[in-house]
Amino acid sequence: MRAALKADQTMHQAAYNLGILLTDDKPKQSIKLLQKAFETTPTPRYGYTLAFYMQKRGDLDNACKMLLDVIKQWPVFADAYLLLGKIYEGQDKTDEARALYLKAIDSVGLSLRDKQRVKVEFDKL
């Protein structure tokens, strides 16, 4: 994957996959590669994954910013609401988590299944 990325700097798949593979051994390089993948080809999955590993490394501010961006660009991507809600809950921001979950539940495009997933988390608050 390194060779593929070296040959073609825009190969987002290689950046993404290499970023995931390096999360444990080289976390800083991992985040940079995941950012590169998202910047090259913005997708909700890439943004969510980047935020997940930012959160895992304790960079909650940037994780929240990324998740808010994902929600803004792809408002039907339920996993972003769920992860952001969990981060808010962990920061004792219950009101923010509640408002976020309600936003997801009220979203027109979110599937019934995803709305139910979000409602389970809302009901726990």
Protein backbone atom coordinates (compact mmCIF):
# COMPACT_ATOMS: atom_id res chain seq x y z
CA MET A 1 0.00 0.00 0.00
CA ARG A 2 2.90 2.32 0.68
CA ALA A 3 4.22 1.71 -2.83
CA ALA A 4 0.78 2.30 -4.34
CA LEU A 5 0.39 5.54 -2.39
CA LYS A 6 3.88 6.65 -3.34
CA ALA A 7 3.12 6.02 -7.01
CA ASP A 8 -0.24 7.79 -6.85
CA GLN A 9 -0.75 10.34 -4.07
CA THR A 10 -4.48 10.44 -4.81
CA MET A 11 -5.07 6.74 -4.18
CA HIS A 12 -7.48 7.24 -1.32
CA GLN A 13 -8.07 3.51 -0.80
CA ALA A 14 -4.39 2.90 -0.07
CA ALA A 15 -4.24 5.87 2.32
CA TYR A 16 -7.37 4.69 4.11
CA ASN A 17 -6.34 1.06 4.44
CA LEU A 18 -2.78 1.89 5.44
CA GLY A 19 -4.11 4.38 7.97
CA ILE A 20 -6.23 1.68 9.59
CA LEU A 21 -3.35 -0.80 9.62
CA LEU A 22 -1.08 1.69 11.40
CA THR A 23 -3.51 2.75 14.15
CA ASP A 24 -1.79 0.76 16.88
CA ASP A 25 1.87 1.02 15.87
CA LYS A 26 2.03 4.55 14.41
CA PRO A 27 -1.03 6.51 15.51
CA LYS A 28 0.15 9.93 14.28
CA GLN A 29 0.94 8.58 10.83
CA SER A 30 -2.35 6.72 10.87
CA ILE A 31 -4.34 9.91 11.49
CA LYS A 32 -2.45 11.73 8.72
CA LEU A 33 -3.21 8.95 6.25
CA LEU A 34 -6.88 8.84 7.23
CA GLN A 35 -7.05 12.64 6.83
CA LYS A 36 -5.44 12.31 3.41
CA ALA A 37 -8.00 9.70 2.36
CA PHE A 38 -10.86 11.94 3.51
CA GLU A 39 -9.43 15.05 1.86
CA THR A 40 -8.78 13.18 -1.40
CA THR A 41 -12.20 11.54 -1.53
CA PRO A 42 -14.59 12.85 1.10
CA THR A 43 -17.02 10.10 2.10
CA PRO A 44 -18.99 9.65 5.31
CA ARG A 45 -17.17 6.40 6.05
CA TYR A 46 -13.76 8.04 5.75
CA GLY A 47 -14.82 10.96 7.94
CA TYR A 48 -16.39 8.68 10.53
CA THR A 49 -13.32 6.43 10.65
CA LEU A 50 -11.02 9.41 11.05
CA ALA A 51 -13.18 10.75 13.89
CA PHE A 52 -13.30 7.32 15.52
CA TYR A 53 -9.51 7.09 15.69
CA MET A 54 -9.17 10.73 16.77
CA GLN A 55 -11.57 9.98 19.61
CA LYS A 56 -9.71 6.80 20.45
CA ARG A 57 -6.49 8.83 20.74
CA GLY A 58 -8.16 11.44 22.98
CA ASP A 59 -8.48 14.21 20.38
CA LEU A 60 -12.13 14.81 21.19
CA ASP A 61 -12.35 18.36 19.82
CA ASN A 62 -11.23 17.35 16.34
CA ALA A 63 -13.29 14.16 16.46
CA CYS A 64 -16.40 16.24 17.26
CA LYS A 65 -15.62 18.70 14.47
CA MET A 66 -15.21 15.89 11.97
CA LEU A 67 -18.44 14.19 13.05
CA LEU A 68 -20.36 17.46 12.85
CA ASP A 69 -18.97 17.90 9.33
CA VAL A 70 -20.03 14.38 8.39
CA ILE A 71 -23.53 15.00 9.76
CA LYS A 72 -23.76 18.30 7.88
CA GLN A 73 -22.66 16.77 4.57
CA TRP A 74 -24.35 13.37 4.96
CA PRO A 75 -27.27 13.80 7.39
CA VAL A 76 -28.43 10.21 6.88
CA PHE A 77 -25.20 8.64 8.17
CA ALA A 78 -26.45 7.36 11.54
CA ASP A 79 -23.10 6.16 12.86
CA ALA A 80 -21.86 9.75 13.01
CA TYR A 81 -24.77 10.74 15.26
CA LEU A 82 -24.18 7.72 17.47
CA LEU A 83 -20.45 8.28 17.92
CA LEU A 84 -20.84 12.01 18.49
CA GLY A 85 -23.60 11.34 21.00
CA LYS A 86 -21.36 8.92 22.89
CA ILE A 87 -18.56 11.50 22.96
CA TYR A 88 -20.99 14.10 24.30
CA GLU A 89 -22.22 11.66 26.94
CA GLY A 90 -18.64 10.93 27.98
CA GLN A 91 -18.07 14.65 28.41
CA ASP A 92 -21.24 14.96 30.55
CA LYS A 93 -22.90 16.98 27.78
CA THR A 94 -26.21 15.19 28.16
CA ASP A 95 -28.27 18.07 26.76
CA GLU A 96 -26.12 18.16 23.61
CA ALA A 97 -26.37 14.38 23.22
CA ARG A 98 -30.13 14.49 23.70
CA ALA A 99 -30.52 17.28 21.11
CA LEU A 100 -28.30 15.43 18.65
CA TYR A 101 -30.24 12.19 19.04
CA LEU A 102 -33.53 14.04 18.56
CA LYS A 103 -32.15 15.65 15.42
CA ALA A 104 -31.32 12.21 14.05
CA ILE A 105 -34.69 10.75 15.02
CA ASP A 106 -36.47 13.67 13.34
CA SER A 107 -34.31 13.44 10.21
CA VAL A 108 -36.36 12.83 7.10
CA GLY A 109 -33.81 10.68 5.28
CA LEU A 110 -32.67 8.42 8.10
CA SER A 111 -33.96 4.87 7.76
CA LEU A 112 -36.41 3.48 10.32
CA ARG A 113 -33.78 0.99 11.46
CA ASP A 114 -31.24 3.76 12.05
CA LYS A 115 -33.81 5.89 13.83
CA GLN A 116 -34.50 2.96 16.13
CA ARG A 117 -30.76 2.57 16.83
CA VAL A 118 -30.56 6.23 17.77
CA LYS A 119 -33.74 6.04 19.87
CA VAL A 120 -32.22 3.23 21.96
CA GLU A 121 -29.35 5.59 22.89
CA PHE A 122 -31.74 8.49 23.48
CA ASP A 123 -33.85 6.38 25.82
CA LYS A 124 -30.75 5.53 27.91
CA LEU A 125 -30.24 9.20 28.80
